[in-house]
N, C-alpha and C. Protein backbone atom coordinates (compact mmCIF):
# COMPACT_ATOMS: atom_id res chain seq x y z
N MET A 1 145.98 91.65 -6.10
CA MET A 1 145.66 92.49 -4.97
C MET A 1 144.18 92.37 -4.60
N LYS A 2 143.32 92.26 -5.62
CA LYS A 2 141.89 92.12 -5.35
C LYS A 2 141.59 90.81 -4.63
N LYS A 3 142.32 89.76 -5.00
CA LYS A 3 142.10 88.47 -4.36
C LYS A 3 142.45 88.52 -2.88
N VAL A 4 143.55 89.18 -2.56
CA VAL A 4 144.00 89.28 -1.18
C VAL A 4 142.99 90.09 -0.36
N THR A 5 142.50 91.17 -0.92
CA THR A 5 141.52 92.00 -0.23
C THR A 5 140.21 91.23 -0.01
N LEU A 6 139.77 90.53 -1.03
CA LEU A 6 138.55 89.74 -0.92
C LEU A 6 138.72 88.64 0.13
N LEU A 7 139.85 87.97 0.12
CA LEU A 7 140.11 86.92 1.09
C LEU A 7 140.16 87.49 2.52
N ALA A 8 140.74 88.66 2.67
CA ALA A 8 140.80 89.30 3.99
C ALA A 8 139.40 89.67 4.47
N LEU A 9 138.56 90.18 3.59
CA LEU A 9 137.19 90.54 3.97
C LEU A 9 136.38 89.30 4.36
N VAL A 10 136.54 88.23 3.60
CA VAL A 10 135.82 86.99 3.92
C VAL A 10 136.29 86.45 5.27
N ALA A 11 137.60 86.49 5.51
CA ALA A 11 138.13 86.02 6.79
C ALA A 11 137.62 86.89 7.94
N LEU A 12 137.53 88.18 7.72
CA LEU A 12 137.01 89.08 8.74
C LEU A 12 135.54 88.78 9.05
N LEU A 13 134.76 88.50 8.02
CA LEU A 13 133.36 88.13 8.24
C LEU A 13 133.23 86.83 9.02
N VAL A 14 134.04 85.85 8.66
CA VAL A 14 133.99 84.56 9.35
C VAL A 14 134.35 84.72 10.82
N VAL A 15 135.39 85.50 11.09
CA VAL A 15 135.81 85.71 12.48
C VAL A 15 134.74 86.47 13.25
N SER A 16 134.13 87.48 12.63
CA SER A 16 133.11 88.25 13.34
C SER A 16 131.88 87.39 13.64
N PHE A 17 131.45 86.58 12.68
CA PHE A 17 130.28 85.73 12.94
C PHE A 17 130.58 84.64 13.95
N SER A 18 131.79 84.11 13.94
CA SER A 18 132.12 83.09 14.94
C SER A 18 132.19 83.72 16.32
N GLY A 19 132.62 84.98 16.40
CA GLY A 19 132.63 85.68 17.68
C GLY A 19 131.22 85.90 18.20
N LEU A 20 130.30 86.25 17.31
CA LEU A 20 128.91 86.42 17.72
C LEU A 20 128.31 85.11 18.22
N ALA A 21 128.64 84.03 17.53
CA ALA A 21 128.11 82.73 17.94
C ALA A 21 128.69 82.31 19.28
N ALA A 22 129.95 82.62 19.52
CA ALA A 22 130.58 82.25 20.79
C ALA A 22 130.04 83.10 21.94
N ALA A 23 129.66 84.34 21.66
CA ALA A 23 129.18 85.23 22.71
C ALA A 23 127.69 85.06 22.99
N ALA A 24 126.98 84.33 22.16
CA ALA A 24 125.54 84.15 22.35
C ALA A 24 125.27 83.34 23.62
N PRO A 25 124.18 83.66 24.32
CA PRO A 25 123.88 82.91 25.54
C PRO A 25 123.48 81.47 25.21
N VAL A 26 123.74 80.61 26.15
CA VAL A 26 123.41 79.21 25.96
C VAL A 26 121.90 79.05 26.03
N GLN A 27 121.36 78.28 25.12
CA GLN A 27 119.92 78.08 25.10
C GLN A 27 119.54 77.13 26.23
N GLY A 28 118.65 77.59 27.06
CA GLY A 28 118.22 76.78 28.20
C GLY A 28 117.06 75.89 27.82
N THR A 29 116.17 75.70 28.78
CA THR A 29 115.00 74.87 28.51
C THR A 29 114.08 75.59 27.53
N ALA A 30 113.22 74.86 26.92
CA ALA A 30 112.31 75.43 25.93
C ALA A 30 111.40 76.46 26.59
N GLN A 31 111.20 77.59 25.94
CA GLN A 31 110.36 78.65 26.48
C GLN A 31 108.93 78.48 25.96
N THR A 32 108.28 77.48 26.47
CA THR A 32 106.89 77.25 26.10
C THR A 32 105.99 77.98 27.10
N PRO A 33 104.75 78.22 26.78
CA PRO A 33 103.88 78.97 27.69
C PRO A 33 103.77 78.36 29.08
N GLY A 34 103.92 77.08 29.23
CA GLY A 34 103.86 76.48 30.55
C GLY A 34 105.20 76.42 31.24
N ASN A 35 106.24 76.89 30.59
CA ASN A 35 107.59 76.74 31.13
C ASN A 35 108.32 78.07 31.22
N TRP A 36 107.62 79.17 31.40
CA TRP A 36 108.27 80.48 31.49
C TRP A 36 108.90 80.63 32.86
N TYR A 37 109.99 81.36 32.91
CA TYR A 37 110.68 81.58 34.18
C TYR A 37 110.49 83.02 34.60
N CYS A 38 109.81 83.24 35.68
CA CYS A 38 109.65 84.57 36.25
C CYS A 38 109.92 84.45 37.74
N PRO A 39 111.06 84.92 38.21
CA PRO A 39 111.45 84.64 39.59
C PRO A 39 110.61 85.34 40.65
N TYR A 40 109.89 86.40 40.31
CA TYR A 40 109.21 87.17 41.34
C TYR A 40 107.76 86.75 41.53
N TYR A 41 107.00 86.67 40.47
CA TYR A 41 105.58 86.38 40.61
C TYR A 41 105.18 85.01 40.09
N GLY A 42 105.96 84.45 39.22
CA GLY A 42 105.57 83.20 38.62
C GLY A 42 104.51 83.47 37.55
N GLN A 43 104.20 82.45 36.81
CA GLN A 43 103.26 82.64 35.71
C GLN A 43 101.84 82.82 36.21
N THR A 44 101.48 82.16 37.30
CA THR A 44 100.10 82.20 37.78
C THR A 44 99.97 82.93 39.11
N TYR A 45 100.94 83.74 39.48
CA TYR A 45 100.91 84.52 40.72
C TYR A 45 100.75 83.64 41.95
N ASN A 46 101.39 82.49 41.98
CA ASN A 46 101.22 81.56 43.09
C ASN A 46 101.76 82.10 44.40
N ASN A 47 102.84 82.88 44.34
CA ASN A 47 103.46 83.31 45.58
C ASN A 47 103.05 84.72 46.01
N LEU A 48 101.90 85.20 45.55
CA LEU A 48 101.39 86.49 45.98
C LEU A 48 100.34 86.29 47.07
N THR A 49 100.28 87.25 47.97
CA THR A 49 99.22 87.20 48.98
C THR A 49 97.92 87.69 48.36
N ASP A 50 96.83 87.50 49.07
CA ASP A 50 95.53 87.95 48.56
C ASP A 50 95.49 89.47 48.42
N ASP A 51 96.12 90.18 49.36
CA ASP A 51 96.16 91.65 49.26
C ASP A 51 96.93 92.09 48.02
N GLN A 52 98.04 91.41 47.74
CA GLN A 52 98.82 91.76 46.56
C GLN A 52 98.05 91.46 45.28
N LYS A 53 97.32 90.35 45.27
CA LYS A 53 96.51 90.01 44.10
C LYS A 53 95.42 91.05 43.89
N ALA A 54 94.80 91.52 44.98
CA ALA A 54 93.75 92.53 44.86
C ALA A 54 94.33 93.85 44.36
N GLN A 55 95.50 94.22 44.87
CA GLN A 55 96.14 95.46 44.43
C GLN A 55 96.53 95.36 42.96
N LEU A 56 97.03 94.21 42.55
CA LEU A 56 97.39 94.01 41.16
C LEU A 56 96.15 94.09 40.26
N ALA A 57 95.03 93.56 40.72
CA ALA A 57 93.80 93.62 39.95
C ALA A 57 93.33 95.06 39.78
N THR A 58 93.44 95.88 40.83
CA THR A 58 93.04 97.29 40.70
C THR A 58 93.97 98.03 39.75
N TRP A 59 95.26 97.74 39.80
CA TRP A 59 96.20 98.39 38.86
C TRP A 59 95.89 98.00 37.42
N GLN A 60 95.56 96.72 37.22
CA GLN A 60 95.22 96.28 35.87
C GLN A 60 93.95 96.96 35.39
N GLN A 61 92.98 97.12 36.27
CA GLN A 61 91.73 97.80 35.91
C GLN A 61 91.99 99.26 35.57
N GLN A 62 92.85 99.93 36.36
CA GLN A 62 93.19 101.33 36.08
C GLN A 62 93.90 101.46 34.74
N ALA A 63 94.81 100.54 34.45
CA ALA A 63 95.53 100.58 33.18
C ALA A 63 94.56 100.37 32.02
N LEU A 64 93.60 99.46 32.18
CA LEU A 64 92.60 99.22 31.14
C LEU A 64 91.76 100.46 30.90
N GLU A 65 91.35 101.13 31.98
CA GLU A 65 90.55 102.35 31.84
C GLU A 65 91.34 103.45 31.13
N GLN A 66 92.62 103.58 31.47
CA GLN A 66 93.45 104.60 30.82
C GLN A 66 93.63 104.30 29.34
N ARG A 67 93.84 103.02 29.01
CA ARG A 67 93.98 102.65 27.60
C ARG A 67 92.68 102.95 26.84
N THR A 68 91.54 102.66 27.48
CA THR A 68 90.25 102.93 26.84
C THR A 68 90.08 104.42 26.60
N GLN A 69 90.46 105.24 27.59
CA GLN A 69 90.37 106.69 27.43
C GLN A 69 91.29 107.18 26.32
N MET A 70 92.49 106.59 26.23
CA MET A 70 93.43 107.00 25.18
C MET A 70 92.87 106.67 23.80
N VAL A 71 92.26 105.50 23.66
CA VAL A 71 91.68 105.13 22.37
C VAL A 71 90.52 106.05 22.03
N GLN A 72 89.70 106.39 23.02
CA GLN A 72 88.58 107.30 22.77
C GLN A 72 89.07 108.66 22.32
N LYS A 73 90.14 109.16 22.94
CA LYS A 73 90.71 110.46 22.53
C LYS A 73 91.28 110.38 21.12
N GLN A 74 91.94 109.28 20.79
CA GLN A 74 92.50 109.14 19.45
C GLN A 74 91.40 109.09 18.40
N VAL A 75 90.27 108.45 18.74
CA VAL A 75 89.13 108.44 17.83
C VAL A 75 88.57 109.85 17.70
N GLU A 76 88.48 110.54 18.83
CA GLU A 76 87.95 111.90 18.83
C GLU A 76 88.82 112.85 18.00
N TRP A 77 90.11 112.70 18.08
CA TRP A 77 91.03 113.58 17.34
C TRP A 77 91.23 113.16 15.89
N GLY A 78 90.71 111.99 15.52
CA GLY A 78 90.79 111.56 14.14
C GLY A 78 92.02 110.73 13.82
N TYR A 79 92.79 110.35 14.82
CA TYR A 79 93.96 109.50 14.57
C TYR A 79 93.56 108.07 14.27
N MET A 80 92.42 107.66 14.82
CA MET A 80 91.91 106.31 14.62
C MET A 80 90.45 106.42 14.20
N ILE A 81 89.95 105.35 13.59
CA ILE A 81 88.53 105.30 13.29
C ILE A 81 87.90 104.24 14.18
N GLN A 82 86.68 104.46 14.56
CA GLN A 82 86.00 103.51 15.43
C GLN A 82 85.37 102.44 14.56
N ALA A 83 85.70 101.19 14.86
CA ALA A 83 85.21 100.08 14.05
C ALA A 83 83.85 99.64 14.52
């Protein structure tokens, strides 16, 4: 009886792993830093207008300032130490 149970468990594992392998997405082209796929902006923002690039730069600057303020508060509250 133990042999049958063990064989059934092994068969169940094999079937489950083969199902996972069959359901996995097909690997496309290599995802190297020069070959990333981003349908909206692209890797180097080639299809953005100058106004969009300027707006994106201001958002990035605002995000940087907020992160800096968060780190300063964490240092102030003692959650982090300033290096």
